[in-house]
Amino acid sequence: MSDATAAPLTAGGRADLAAFDAPDEAALLAAGAASCVATIAAGRLVYRGR
């Protein structure tokens, strides 16, 4: 995950992020994209897991 970038959210700014159901980086690497529970692109919810 060292290639991930982060920037602070700003009011009126673009919001791109994903939320994963993983307790730590090792679990995230093991589960991969299957652990994604939500994805936000340009401030809009584009994916919501069940």
PDB file of N, CA and C in Angstrom:
ATOM      1  N   MET A   1       0.806  -1.184   0.000  1.00  0.00           N
ATOM      2  CA  MET A   1       0.000   0.000   0.000  1.00  0.00           C
ATOM      3  C   MET A   1       0.853   1.253   0.000  1.00  0.00           C
ATOM      4  N   SER A   2       2.122   1.075  -0.149  1.00  0.00           N
ATOM      5  CA  SER A   2       3.001   2.235  -0.134  1.00  0.00           C
ATOM      6  C   SER A   2       2.770   3.156  -1.321  1.00  0.00           C
ATOM      7  N   ASP A   3       2.099   2.661  -2.367  1.00  0.00           N
ATOM      8  CA  ASP A   3       1.832   3.507  -3.533  1.00  0.00           C
ATOM      9  C   ASP A   3       0.503   4.261  -3.419  1.00  0.00           C
ATOM     10  N   ALA A   4      -0.214   4.072  -2.310  1.00  0.00           N
ATOM     11  CA  ALA A   4      -1.483   4.784  -2.105  1.00  0.00           C
ATOM     12  C   ALA A   4      -1.209   6.253  -1.813  1.00  0.00           C
ATOM     13  N   THR A   5      -2.121   7.091  -2.256  1.00  0.00           N
ATOM     14  CA  THR A   5      -1.975   8.517  -1.969  1.00  0.00           C
ATOM     15  C   THR A   5      -3.125   8.969  -1.091  1.00  0.00           C
ATOM     16  N   ALA A   6      -2.866   9.969  -0.312  1.00  0.00           N
ATOM     17  CA  ALA A   6      -3.898  10.506   0.567  1.00  0.00           C
ATOM     18  C   ALA A   6      -3.839  12.018   0.529  1.00  0.00           C
ATOM     19  N   ALA A   7      -4.987  12.615   0.579  1.00  0.00           N
ATOM     20  CA  ALA A   7      -5.084  14.071   0.636  1.00  0.00           C
ATOM     21  C   ALA A   7      -6.282  14.409   1.507  1.00  0.00           C
ATOM     22  N   PRO A   8      -6.226  15.525   2.192  1.00  0.00           N
ATOM     23  CA  PRO A   8      -7.361  15.892   3.043  1.00  0.00           C
ATOM     24  C   PRO A   8      -8.606  16.205   2.218  1.00  0.00           C
ATOM     25  N   LEU A   9      -9.769  15.856   2.758  1.00  0.00           N
ATOM     26  CA  LEU A   9     -11.023  16.214   2.108  1.00  0.00           C
ATOM     27  C   LEU A   9     -11.285  17.694   2.342  1.00  0.00           C
ATOM     28  N   THR A  10     -11.795  18.363   1.331  1.00  0.00           N
ATOM     29  CA  THR A  10     -12.122  19.779   1.469  1.00  0.00           C
ATOM     30  C   THR A  10     -13.566  19.993   1.054  1.00  0.00           C
ATOM     31  N   ALA A  11     -14.224  20.925   1.695  1.00  0.00           N
ATOM     32  CA  ALA A  11     -15.612  21.240   1.351  1.00  0.00           C
ATOM     33  C   ALA A  11     -15.675  21.653  -0.109  1.00  0.00           C
ATOM     34  N   GLY A  12     -16.546  21.016  -0.859  1.00  0.00           N
ATOM     35  CA  GLY A  12     -16.705  21.317  -2.274  1.00  0.00           C
ATOM     36  C   GLY A  12     -15.672  20.649  -3.159  1.00  0.00           C
ATOM     37  N   GLY A  13     -14.711  19.936  -2.554  1.00  0.00           N
ATOM     38  CA  GLY A  13     -13.665  19.261  -3.327  1.00  0.00           C
ATOM     39  C   GLY A  13     -14.085  17.864  -3.734  1.00  0.00           C
ATOM     40  N   ARG A  14     -13.293  17.266  -4.596  1.00  0.00           N
ATOM     41  CA  ARG A  14     -13.561  15.917  -5.072  1.00  0.00           C
ATOM     42  C   ARG A  14     -13.278  14.914  -3.954  1.00  0.00           C
ATOM     43  N   ALA A  15     -14.144  13.931  -3.808  1.00  0.00           N
ATOM     44  CA  ALA A  15     -13.954  12.884  -2.806  1.00  0.00           C
ATOM     45  C   ALA A  15     -13.909  11.534  -3.504  1.00  0.00           C
ATOM     46  N   ASP A  16     -12.765  10.910  -3.508  1.00  0.00           N
ATOM     47  CA  ASP A  16     -12.587   9.566  -4.045  1.00  0.00           C
ATOM     48  C   ASP A  16     -12.006   8.712  -2.926  1.00  0.00           C
ATOM     49  N   LEU A  17     -12.737   7.690  -2.522  1.00  0.00           N
ATOM     50  CA  LEU A  17     -12.227   6.821  -1.477  1.00  0.00           C
ATOM     51  C   LEU A  17     -12.960   5.493  -1.500  1.00  0.00           C
ATOM     52  N   ALA A  18     -12.379   4.528  -0.819  1.00  0.00           N
ATOM     53  CA  ALA A  18     -13.004   3.221  -0.680  1.00  0.00           C
ATOM     54  C   ALA A  18     -12.876   2.792   0.773  1.00  0.00           C
ATOM     55  N   ALA A  19     -13.871   2.074   1.266  1.00  0.00           N
ATOM     56  CA  ALA A  19     -13.857   1.558   2.634  1.00  0.00           C
ATOM     57  C   ALA A  19     -13.825   0.036   2.575  1.00  0.00           C
ATOM     58  N   PHE A  20     -12.949  -0.536   3.369  1.00  0.00           N
ATOM     59  CA  PHE A  20     -12.774  -1.985   3.372  1.00  0.00           C
ATOM     60  C   PHE A  20     -13.042  -2.541   4.756  1.00  0.00           C
ATOM     61  N   ASP A  21     -13.677  -3.715   4.813  1.00  0.00           N
ATOM     62  CA  ASP A  21     -13.940  -4.401   6.072  1.00  0.00           C
ATOM     63  C   ASP A  21     -12.759  -5.322   6.356  1.00  0.00           C
ATOM     64  N   ALA A  22     -11.685  -4.728   6.842  1.00  0.00           N
ATOM     65  CA  ALA A  22     -10.475  -5.474   7.170  1.00  0.00           C
ATOM     66  C   ALA A  22      -9.829  -4.806   8.385  1.00  0.00           C
ATOM     67  N   PRO A  23      -9.446  -5.580   9.380  1.00  0.00           N
ATOM     68  CA  PRO A  23      -8.909  -4.992  10.602  1.00  0.00           C
ATOM     69  C   PRO A  23      -7.506  -4.411  10.466  1.00  0.00           C
ATOM     70  N   ASP A  24      -6.754  -4.890   9.482  1.00  0.00           N
ATOM     71  CA  ASP A  24      -5.395  -4.381   9.310  1.00  0.00           C
ATOM     72  C   ASP A  24      -4.930  -4.617   7.873  1.00  0.00           C
ATOM     73  N   GLU A  25      -3.744  -4.131   7.564  1.00  0.00           N
ATOM     74  CA  GLU A  25      -3.231  -4.223   6.198  1.00  0.00           C
ATOM     75  C   GLU A  25      -3.046  -5.669   5.749  1.00  0.00           C
ATOM     76  N   ALA A  26      -2.607  -6.539   6.643  1.00  0.00           N
ATOM     77  CA  ALA A  26      -2.414  -7.945   6.285  1.00  0.00           C
ATOM     78  C   ALA A  26      -3.737  -8.587   5.871  1.00  0.00           C
ATOM     79  N   ALA A  27      -4.796  -8.309   6.618  1.00  0.00           N
ATOM     80  CA  ALA A  27      -6.113  -8.860   6.285  1.00  0.00           C
ATOM     81  C   ALA A  27      -6.618  -8.292   4.967  1.00  0.00           C
ATOM     82  N   LEU A  28      -6.359  -7.017   4.733  1.00  0.00           N
ATOM     83  CA  LEU A  28      -6.770  -6.400   3.474  1.00  0.00           C
ATOM     84  C   LEU A  28      -6.036  -7.031   2.304  1.00  0.00           C
ATOM     85  N   LEU A  29      -4.749  -7.260   2.452  1.00  0.00           N
ATOM     86  CA  LEU A  29      -3.980  -7.892   1.378  1.00  0.00           C
ATOM     87  C   LEU A  29      -4.458  -9.317   1.125  1.00  0.00           C
ATOM     88  N   ALA A  30      -4.852 -10.031   2.175  1.00  0.00           N
ATOM     89  CA  ALA A  30      -5.341 -11.400   2.023  1.00  0.00           C
ATOM     90  C   ALA A  30      -6.705 -11.445   1.349  1.00  0.00           C
ATOM     91  N   ALA A  31      -7.609 -10.552   1.745  1.00  0.00           N
ATOM     92  CA  ALA A  31      -8.979 -10.563   1.218  1.00  0.00           C
ATOM     93  C   ALA A  31      -9.098  -9.820  -0.104  1.00  0.00           C
ATOM     94  N   GLY A  32      -8.288  -8.819  -0.298  1.00  0.00           N
ATOM     95  CA  GLY A  32      -8.321  -8.038  -1.533  1.00  0.00           C
ATOM     96  C   GLY A  32      -9.617  -7.278  -1.724  1.00  0.00           C
ATOM     97  N   ALA A  33      -9.980  -7.075  -2.974  1.00  0.00           N
ATOM     98  CA  ALA A  33     -11.147  -6.264  -3.325  1.00  0.00           C
ATOM     99  C   ALA A  33     -12.450  -6.828  -2.772  1.00  0.00           C
ATOM    100  N   ALA A  34     -12.480  -8.110  -2.460  1.00  0.00           N
ATOM    101  CA  ALA A  34     -13.705  -8.717  -1.930  1.00  0.00           C
ATOM    102  C   ALA A  34     -14.113  -8.108  -0.591  1.00  0.00           C
ATOM    103  N   SER A  35     -13.176  -7.454   0.095  1.00  0.00           N
ATOM    104  CA  SER A  35     -13.508  -6.855   1.391  1.00  0.00           C
ATOM    105  C   SER A  35     -13.997  -5.412   1.266  1.00  0.00           C
ATOM    106  N   CYS A  36     -14.138  -4.909   0.042  1.00  0.00           N
ATOM    107  CA  CYS A  36     -14.618  -3.539  -0.159  1.00  0.00           C
ATOM    108  C   CYS A  36     -16.101  -3.455   0.201  1.00  0.00           C
ATOM    109  N   VAL A  37     -16.446  -2.501   1.065  1.00  0.00           N
ATOM    110  CA  VAL A  37     -17.842  -2.331   1.461  1.00  0.00           C
ATOM    111  C   VAL A  37     -18.471  -1.075   0.873  1.00  0.00           C
ATOM    112  N   ALA A  38     -17.641  -0.141   0.398  1.00  0.00           N
ATOM    113  CA  ALA A  38     -18.181   1.074  -0.223  1.00  0.00           C
ATOM    114  C   ALA A  38     -17.094   1.770  -1.032  1.00  0.00           C
ATOM    115  N   THR A  39     -17.507   2.360  -2.147  1.00  0.00           N
ATOM    116  CA  THR A  39     -16.600   3.162  -2.967  1.00  0.00           C
ATOM    117  C   THR A  39     -17.285   4.479  -3.285  1.00  0.00           C
ATOM    118  N   ILE A  40     -16.555   5.562  -3.085  1.00  0.00           N
ATOM    119  CA  ILE A  40     -17.028   6.916  -3.378  1.00  0.00           C
ATOM    120  C   ILE A  40     -16.162   7.464  -4.502  1.00  0.00           C
ATOM    121  N   ALA A  41     -16.767   7.981  -5.554  1.00  0.00           N
ATOM    122  CA  ALA A  41     -16.033   8.614  -6.651  1.00  0.00           C
ATOM    123  C   ALA A  41     -16.679   9.960  -6.937  1.00  0.00           C
ATOM    124  N   ALA A  42     -15.861  10.983  -6.947  1.00  0.00           N
ATOM    125  CA  ALA A  42     -16.339  12.352  -7.176  1.00  0.00           C
ATOM    126  C   ALA A  42     -17.457  12.717  -6.198  1.00  0.00           C
ATOM    127  N   GLY A  43     -17.341  12.215  -4.964  1.00  0.00           N
ATOM    128  CA  GLY A  43     -18.317  12.548  -3.936  1.00  0.00           C
ATOM    129  C   GLY A  43     -19.622  11.783  -4.006  1.00  0.00           C
ATOM    130  N   ARG A  44     -19.725  10.813  -4.901  1.00  0.00           N
ATOM    131  CA  ARG A  44     -20.953  10.022  -5.039  1.00  0.00           C
ATOM    132  C   ARG A  44     -20.689   8.562  -4.705  1.00  0.00           C
ATOM    133  N   LEU A  45     -21.639   7.958  -4.008  1.00  0.00           N
ATOM    134  CA  LEU A  45     -21.546   6.545  -3.694  1.00  0.00           C
ATOM    135  C   LEU A  45     -21.751   5.755  -4.978  1.00  0.00           C
ATOM    136  N   VAL A  46     -20.728   5.025  -5.419  1.00  0.00           N
ATOM    137  CA  VAL A  46     -20.846   4.257  -6.658  1.00  0.00           C
ATOM    138  C   VAL A  46     -20.896   2.754  -6.408  1.00  0.00           C
ATOM    139  N   TYR A  47     -20.527   2.325  -5.200  1.00  0.00           N
ATOM    140  CA  TYR A  47     -20.633   0.913  -4.849  1.00  0.00           C
ATOM    141  C   TYR A  47     -20.905   0.807  -3.363  1.00  0.00           C
ATOM    142  N   ARG A  48     -21.853  -0.036  -3.011  1.00  0.00           N
ATOM    143  CA  ARG A  48     -22.141  -0.314  -1.607  1.00  0.00           C
ATOM    144  C   ARG A  48     -22.331  -1.808  -1.462  1.00  0.00           C
ATOM    145  N   GLY A  49     -21.439  -2.446  -0.727  1.00  0.00           N
ATOM    146  CA  GLY A  49     -21.539  -3.885  -0.495  1.00  0.00           C
ATOM    147  C   GLY A  49     -22.649  -4.195   0.483  1.00  0.00           C
ATOM    148  N   ARG A  50     -22.982  -5.446   0.571  1.00  0.00           N
ATOM    149  CA  ARG A  50     -24.041  -5.866   1.497  1.00  0.00           C
ATOM    150  C   ARG A  50     -23.456  -6.518   2.710  1.00  0.00           C
TER     151      ARG A  50
END
